[in-house]
Amino acid sequence: MTSTPVTWFEIGTDRPDEAQGFYAELFGWTFTEEGTAGGGSYRTTTAGEPTGIGGGIRALAEGAPGYAILYAEVADVAQACGRAEAAGGTVLTPPRTTPGGLTLALLRDPVGTHLGLFSSGATA
C-alpha cells in the first residue's frame, strides 16, 4: 500500500476573525472568504504553498467547541472508510459529496482522535 498524504486541515471556531488574525500574524497566512458552509463563513488558505498544505477556518455558532482536524486525500472515500473500520476505527459521518464535487467522510481512530477523508473525484 502506498502512503496517503494529508492535504487539508480545518479549524472550527466561534471566533473566526481572531483565529484568522492569529495564523496570519504567526505564519503569514492569507485567507480568502469562500462564503457560508453550514451557516457560518468558510475561509481558505494555501498555508505557505508550495510546501504547505491548504486549509480553512469554519465559523461555528457562539459557544460551540473548537476543533482542528486533518484530512487525508484518498482515491475512494467509501473504500477507505471500510479499511478504517476494519482497522478498529469508526465512521462518524459517512461519505457524502458536496455540490462542488468533493466526497468527504469523518472518522474516529481507535484512540478517539477525529480525522477526515476526501476525494476530489466522483467516487463516493
N, C-alpha and C. Protein backbone atom coordinates (compact mmCIF):
# COMPACT_ATOMS: atom_id res chain seq x y z
N MET A 1 0.84 -1.18 0.00
CA MET A 1 0.00 0.00 0.00
C MET A 1 0.89 1.24 0.00
N THR A 2 0.52 2.23 -0.81
CA THR A 2 1.28 3.48 -0.85
C THR A 2 0.82 4.39 0.29
N SER A 3 1.68 5.29 0.66
CA SER A 3 1.38 6.24 1.73
C SER A 3 0.34 7.26 1.26
N THR A 4 -0.59 7.62 2.14
CA THR A 4 -1.65 8.58 1.83
C THR A 4 -1.28 9.95 2.40
N PRO A 5 -1.28 10.99 1.58
CA PRO A 5 -0.88 12.31 2.08
C PRO A 5 -2.00 13.03 2.84
N VAL A 6 -1.61 13.78 3.85
CA VAL A 6 -2.53 14.72 4.49
C VAL A 6 -2.43 15.99 3.66
N THR A 7 -3.56 16.42 3.09
CA THR A 7 -3.51 17.54 2.15
C THR A 7 -4.43 18.69 2.52
N TRP A 8 -5.14 18.60 3.65
CA TRP A 8 -6.06 19.67 4.03
C TRP A 8 -6.23 19.67 5.53
N PHE A 9 -6.49 20.82 6.10
CA PHE A 9 -6.85 20.90 7.51
C PHE A 9 -8.02 21.85 7.65
N GLU A 10 -8.74 21.72 8.75
CA GLU A 10 -9.85 22.63 9.02
C GLU A 10 -9.82 22.98 10.50
N ILE A 11 -10.00 24.25 10.78
CA ILE A 11 -10.10 24.76 12.15
C ILE A 11 -11.51 25.28 12.32
N GLY A 12 -12.23 24.74 13.29
CA GLY A 12 -13.57 25.22 13.58
C GLY A 12 -13.55 26.06 14.84
N THR A 13 -14.16 27.25 14.79
CA THR A 13 -14.13 28.14 15.94
C THR A 13 -15.31 29.10 15.91
N ASP A 14 -15.75 29.52 17.09
CA ASP A 14 -16.79 30.54 17.16
C ASP A 14 -16.17 31.94 17.13
N ARG A 15 -14.84 32.02 16.95
CA ARG A 15 -14.14 33.31 16.85
C ARG A 15 -13.23 33.30 15.61
N PRO A 16 -13.83 33.19 14.42
CA PRO A 16 -13.01 33.05 13.21
C PRO A 16 -12.12 34.25 12.91
N ASP A 17 -12.56 35.46 13.22
CA ASP A 17 -11.72 36.63 12.96
C ASP A 17 -10.45 36.57 13.81
N GLU A 18 -10.61 36.19 15.06
CA GLU A 18 -9.46 36.08 15.96
C GLU A 18 -8.51 34.98 15.49
N ALA A 19 -9.07 33.83 15.09
CA ALA A 19 -8.23 32.73 14.60
C ALA A 19 -7.48 33.16 13.34
N GLN A 20 -8.18 33.80 12.42
CA GLN A 20 -7.54 34.26 11.19
C GLN A 20 -6.41 35.21 11.50
N GLY A 21 -6.63 36.16 12.39
CA GLY A 21 -5.59 37.10 12.77
C GLY A 21 -4.38 36.42 13.39
N PHE A 22 -4.63 35.43 14.24
CA PHE A 22 -3.56 34.69 14.90
C PHE A 22 -2.67 34.00 13.87
N TYR A 23 -3.28 33.23 12.97
CA TYR A 23 -2.49 32.47 11.98
C TYR A 23 -1.83 33.39 10.96
N ALA A 24 -2.47 34.50 10.65
CA ALA A 24 -1.86 35.47 9.74
C ALA A 24 -0.60 36.06 10.37
N GLU A 25 -0.70 36.41 11.64
CA GLU A 25 0.46 37.00 12.32
C GLU A 25 1.54 35.97 12.59
N LEU A 26 1.15 34.78 13.03
CA LEU A 26 2.12 33.75 13.39
C LEU A 26 2.85 33.19 12.18
N PHE A 27 2.11 32.86 11.12
CA PHE A 27 2.70 32.18 9.97
C PHE A 27 2.68 32.98 8.67
N GLY A 28 2.04 34.15 8.67
CA GLY A 28 1.95 34.93 7.44
C GLY A 28 0.90 34.40 6.46
N TRP A 29 -0.02 33.58 6.94
CA TRP A 29 -1.06 33.02 6.07
C TRP A 29 -2.05 34.10 5.67
N THR A 30 -2.50 34.04 4.43
CA THR A 30 -3.58 34.90 3.96
C THR A 30 -4.81 34.03 3.75
N PHE A 31 -5.98 34.63 3.85
CA PHE A 31 -7.24 33.88 3.78
C PHE A 31 -8.15 34.50 2.73
N THR A 32 -8.98 33.66 2.14
CA THR A 32 -9.99 34.08 1.18
C THR A 32 -11.35 33.61 1.68
N GLU A 33 -12.30 34.53 1.77
CA GLU A 33 -13.66 34.17 2.17
C GLU A 33 -14.30 33.38 1.04
N GLU A 34 -14.78 32.19 1.35
CA GLU A 34 -15.39 31.32 0.33
C GLU A 34 -16.90 31.28 0.43
N GLY A 35 -17.48 32.03 1.36
CA GLY A 35 -18.93 32.01 1.53
C GLY A 35 -19.30 31.26 2.80
N THR A 36 -20.54 30.84 2.86
CA THR A 36 -21.01 30.17 4.05
C THR A 36 -21.05 28.67 3.85
N ALA A 37 -20.80 27.96 4.91
CA ALA A 37 -20.86 26.50 4.92
C ALA A 37 -21.47 26.10 6.25
N GLY A 38 -22.64 25.54 6.23
CA GLY A 38 -23.27 25.15 7.48
C GLY A 38 -23.71 26.34 8.31
N GLY A 39 -23.98 27.47 7.66
CA GLY A 39 -24.48 28.63 8.36
C GLY A 39 -23.45 29.67 8.74
N GLY A 40 -22.15 29.35 8.66
CA GLY A 40 -21.13 30.33 9.02
C GLY A 40 -20.15 30.51 7.89
N SER A 41 -19.25 31.46 8.04
CA SER A 41 -18.29 31.73 6.99
C SER A 41 -17.28 30.58 6.89
N TYR A 42 -16.70 30.46 5.71
CA TYR A 42 -15.63 29.49 5.50
C TYR A 42 -14.53 30.23 4.76
N ARG A 43 -13.34 30.25 5.37
CA ARG A 43 -12.20 30.98 4.82
C ARG A 43 -11.09 29.98 4.52
N THR A 44 -10.50 30.07 3.36
CA THR A 44 -9.45 29.13 2.99
C THR A 44 -8.09 29.83 2.93
N THR A 45 -7.05 29.01 3.08
CA THR A 45 -5.68 29.49 2.99
C THR A 45 -4.84 28.44 2.28
N THR A 46 -3.81 28.89 1.59
CA THR A 46 -2.88 27.96 0.96
C THR A 46 -1.80 27.55 1.95
N ALA A 47 -1.76 28.20 3.11
CA ALA A 47 -0.88 27.82 4.21
C ALA A 47 0.57 27.60 3.81
N GLY A 48 1.11 28.55 3.12
CA GLY A 48 2.54 28.50 2.84
C GLY A 48 2.93 27.70 1.63
N GLU A 49 2.09 27.68 0.59
CA GLU A 49 2.50 26.98 -0.63
C GLU A 49 3.86 27.47 -1.07
N PRO A 50 4.69 26.73 -1.69
CA PRO A 50 4.39 25.47 -2.34
C PRO A 50 4.59 24.24 -1.46
N THR A 51 5.14 24.38 -0.26
CA THR A 51 5.43 23.19 0.53
C THR A 51 4.36 22.85 1.56
N GLY A 52 3.49 23.80 1.89
CA GLY A 52 2.48 23.56 2.92
C GLY A 52 1.20 22.99 2.35
N ILE A 53 0.31 22.56 3.23
CA ILE A 53 -1.00 22.07 2.80
C ILE A 53 -2.02 23.19 2.92
N GLY A 54 -3.10 23.09 2.20
CA GLY A 54 -4.17 24.08 2.28
C GLY A 54 -5.07 23.78 3.46
N GLY A 55 -5.91 24.76 3.79
CA GLY A 55 -6.82 24.57 4.90
C GLY A 55 -7.86 25.65 4.97
N GLY A 56 -8.67 25.57 5.99
CA GLY A 56 -9.74 26.53 6.15
C GLY A 56 -10.12 26.77 7.58
N ILE A 57 -10.79 27.88 7.81
CA ILE A 57 -11.38 28.21 9.10
C ILE A 57 -12.89 28.22 8.91
N ARG A 58 -13.58 27.38 9.67
CA ARG A 58 -15.04 27.31 9.62
C ARG A 58 -15.59 28.04 10.84
N ALA A 59 -16.48 29.01 10.60
CA ALA A 59 -17.13 29.73 11.69
C ALA A 59 -18.20 28.83 12.30
N LEU A 60 -18.18 28.72 13.62
CA LEU A 60 -19.16 27.92 14.36
C LEU A 60 -20.09 28.83 15.15
N ALA A 61 -21.18 28.28 15.62
CA ALA A 61 -22.10 29.04 16.46
C ALA A 61 -21.40 29.42 17.76
N GLU A 62 -21.80 30.55 18.32
CA GLU A 62 -21.20 31.03 19.56
C GLU A 62 -21.29 29.95 20.63
N GLY A 63 -20.15 29.70 21.30
CA GLY A 63 -20.08 28.73 22.38
C GLY A 63 -19.84 27.31 21.93
N ALA A 64 -19.85 27.04 20.62
CA ALA A 64 -19.58 25.69 20.14
C ALA A 64 -18.11 25.36 20.38
N PRO A 65 -17.81 24.12 20.72
CA PRO A 65 -16.40 23.76 20.97
C PRO A 65 -15.58 23.84 19.69
N GLY A 66 -14.39 24.38 19.81
CA GLY A 66 -13.49 24.48 18.67
C GLY A 66 -12.84 23.15 18.37
N TYR A 67 -12.26 23.05 17.19
CA TYR A 67 -11.58 21.82 16.80
C TYR A 67 -10.56 22.12 15.72
N ALA A 68 -9.67 21.19 15.53
CA ALA A 68 -8.77 21.18 14.38
C ALA A 68 -8.75 19.75 13.88
N ILE A 69 -8.85 19.57 12.58
CA ILE A 69 -8.90 18.24 12.01
C ILE A 69 -8.05 18.18 10.75
N LEU A 70 -7.36 17.07 10.56
CA LEU A 70 -6.57 16.84 9.37
C LEU A 70 -7.36 15.97 8.40
N TYR A 71 -7.24 16.25 7.12
CA TYR A 71 -7.90 15.48 6.08
C TYR A 71 -6.85 14.81 5.20
N ALA A 72 -7.01 13.51 4.98
CA ALA A 72 -6.15 12.77 4.05
C ALA A 72 -6.90 12.61 2.74
N GLU A 73 -6.19 12.82 1.65
CA GLU A 73 -6.80 12.66 0.33
C GLU A 73 -6.63 11.22 -0.13
N VAL A 74 -7.75 10.59 -0.46
CA VAL A 74 -7.76 9.19 -0.88
C VAL A 74 -8.45 9.07 -2.24
N ALA A 75 -8.21 7.97 -2.93
CA ALA A 75 -8.83 7.76 -4.23
C ALA A 75 -10.31 7.43 -4.10
N ASP A 76 -10.68 6.66 -3.06
CA ASP A 76 -12.05 6.19 -2.88
C ASP A 76 -12.42 6.31 -1.41
N VAL A 77 -13.27 7.27 -1.08
CA VAL A 77 -13.61 7.56 0.31
C VAL A 77 -14.35 6.38 0.95
N ALA A 78 -15.31 5.80 0.26
CA ALA A 78 -16.07 4.68 0.83
C ALA A 78 -15.15 3.50 1.12
N GLN A 79 -14.26 3.20 0.21
CA GLN A 79 -13.32 2.10 0.41
C GLN A 79 -12.40 2.38 1.62
N ALA A 80 -11.92 3.61 1.72
CA ALA A 80 -11.06 3.97 2.85
C ALA A 80 -11.82 3.89 4.17
N CYS A 81 -13.12 4.24 4.16
CA CYS A 81 -13.94 4.10 5.37
C CYS A 81 -14.01 2.64 5.80
N GLY A 82 -14.17 1.75 4.83
CA GLY A 82 -14.19 0.31 5.13
C GLY A 82 -12.88 -0.16 5.73
N ARG A 83 -11.76 0.32 5.18
CA ARG A 83 -10.45 -0.05 5.74
C ARG A 83 -10.29 0.50 7.15
N ALA A 84 -10.80 1.72 7.38
CA ALA A 84 -10.71 2.31 8.73
C ALA A 84 -11.49 1.48 9.74
N GLU A 85 -12.69 1.05 9.37
CA GLU A 85 -13.49 0.22 10.28
C GLU A 85 -12.81 -1.12 10.54
N ALA A 86 -12.23 -1.72 9.51
CA ALA A 86 -11.52 -2.99 9.67
C ALA A 86 -10.31 -2.85 10.59
N ALA A 87 -9.73 -1.64 10.62
CA ALA A 87 -8.56 -1.38 11.47
C ALA A 87 -8.95 -0.93 12.88
N GLY A 88 -10.27 -0.88 13.17
CA GLY A 88 -10.71 -0.51 14.52
C GLY A 88 -11.24 0.89 14.65
N GLY A 89 -11.36 1.62 13.55
CA GLY A 89 -11.89 2.98 13.59
C GLY A 89 -13.41 2.99 13.47
N THR A 90 -13.98 4.19 13.57
CA THR A 90 -15.42 4.38 13.49
C THR A 90 -15.71 5.46 12.45
N VAL A 91 -16.67 5.21 11.59
CA VAL A 91 -17.12 6.23 10.64
C VAL A 91 -18.15 7.09 11.36
N LEU A 92 -17.86 8.35 11.56
CA LEU A 92 -18.76 9.28 12.24
C LEU A 92 -19.75 9.91 11.27
N THR A 93 -19.26 10.29 10.10
CA THR A 93 -20.10 10.86 9.04
C THR A 93 -19.79 10.09 7.77
N PRO A 94 -20.75 9.32 7.28
CA PRO A 94 -20.50 8.51 6.07
C PRO A 94 -20.16 9.40 4.87
N PRO A 95 -19.58 8.83 3.84
CA PRO A 95 -19.22 9.61 2.66
C PRO A 95 -20.41 10.39 2.10
N ARG A 96 -20.15 11.65 1.78
CA ARG A 96 -21.15 12.50 1.14
C ARG A 96 -20.41 13.35 0.12
N THR A 97 -21.10 13.71 -0.93
CA THR A 97 -20.49 14.52 -1.98
C THR A 97 -21.07 15.92 -1.92
N THR A 98 -20.20 16.92 -1.91
CA THR A 98 -20.61 18.31 -1.85
C THR A 98 -21.05 18.78 -3.24
N PRO A 99 -21.77 19.90 -3.30
CA PRO A 99 -22.14 20.45 -4.62
C PRO A 99 -20.92 20.74 -5.50
N GLY A 100 -19.78 21.01 -4.87
CA GLY A 100 -18.56 21.28 -5.63
C GLY A 100 -17.84 20.03 -6.11
N GLY A 101 -18.35 18.83 -5.76
CA GLY A 101 -17.77 17.60 -6.26
C GLY A 101 -16.81 16.88 -5.33
N LEU A 102 -16.55 17.43 -4.14
CA LEU A 102 -15.68 16.74 -3.19
C LEU A 102 -16.49 15.68 -2.45
N THR A 103 -15.91 14.52 -2.26
CA THR A 103 -16.53 13.49 -1.43
C THR A 103 -15.78 13.49 -0.11
N LEU A 104 -16.52 13.57 1.00
CA LEU A 104 -15.95 13.71 2.34
C LEU A 104 -16.51 12.67 3.29
N ALA A 105 -15.74 12.32 4.31
CA ALA A 105 -16.21 11.49 5.42
C ALA A 105 -15.40 11.87 6.65
N LEU A 106 -16.02 11.73 7.81
CA LEU A 106 -15.31 11.97 9.08
C LEU A 106 -15.23 10.66 9.85
N LEU A 107 -14.06 10.41 10.45
CA LEU A 107 -13.79 9.18 11.17
C LEU A 107 -13.26 9.47 12.56
N ARG A 108 -13.24 8.43 13.39
CA ARG A 108 -12.55 8.48 14.68
C ARG A 108 -11.65 7.26 14.72
N ASP A 109 -10.40 7.46 15.06
CA ASP A 109 -9.48 6.32 15.14
C ASP A 109 -9.72 5.55 16.44
N PRO A 110 -9.07 4.41 16.64
CA PRO A 110 -9.33 3.59 17.82
C PRO A 110 -9.02 4.27 19.16
N VAL A 111 -8.20 5.33 19.15
CA VAL A 111 -7.89 6.01 20.40
C VAL A 111 -8.70 7.29 20.59
N GLY A 112 -9.67 7.56 19.68
CA GLY A 112 -10.59 8.67 19.85
C GLY A 112 -10.29 9.93 19.08
N THR A 113 -9.23 9.95 18.28
CA THR A 113 -8.87 11.13 17.51
C THR A 113 -9.71 11.20 16.24
N HIS A 114 -10.23 12.37 15.94
CA HIS A 114 -11.03 12.57 14.73
C HIS A 114 -10.10 12.85 13.55
N LEU A 115 -10.50 12.38 12.38
CA LEU A 115 -9.78 12.67 11.15
C LEU A 115 -10.78 12.67 10.01
N GLY A 116 -10.38 13.27 8.91
CA GLY A 116 -11.25 13.34 7.75
C GLY A 116 -10.60 12.71 6.54
N LEU A 117 -11.46 12.28 5.62
CA LEU A 117 -11.02 11.76 4.32
C LEU A 117 -11.72 12.56 3.25
N PHE A 118 -11.06 12.76 2.11
CA PHE A 118 -11.75 13.39 0.99
C PHE A 118 -11.16 12.90 -0.31
N SER A 119 -11.97 13.05 -1.35
CA SER A 119 -11.55 12.74 -2.71
C SER A 119 -12.14 13.82 -3.59
N SER A 120 -11.36 14.27 -4.55
CA SER A 120 -11.87 15.28 -5.48
C SER A 120 -12.56 14.63 -6.67
N GLY A 121 -12.50 13.30 -6.77
CA GLY A 121 -13.16 12.59 -7.85
C GLY A 121 -14.63 12.38 -7.56
N ALA A 122 -15.33 11.71 -8.46
CA ALA A 122 -16.77 11.48 -8.30
C ALA A 122 -17.08 10.22 -7.52
N THR A 123 -16.08 9.45 -7.12
CA THR A 123 -16.33 8.21 -6.39
C THR A 123 -16.71 8.53 -4.96
N ALA A 124 -17.82 7.96 -4.48
CA ALA A 124 -18.25 8.21 -3.11
C ALA A 124 -17.84 7.11 -2.21
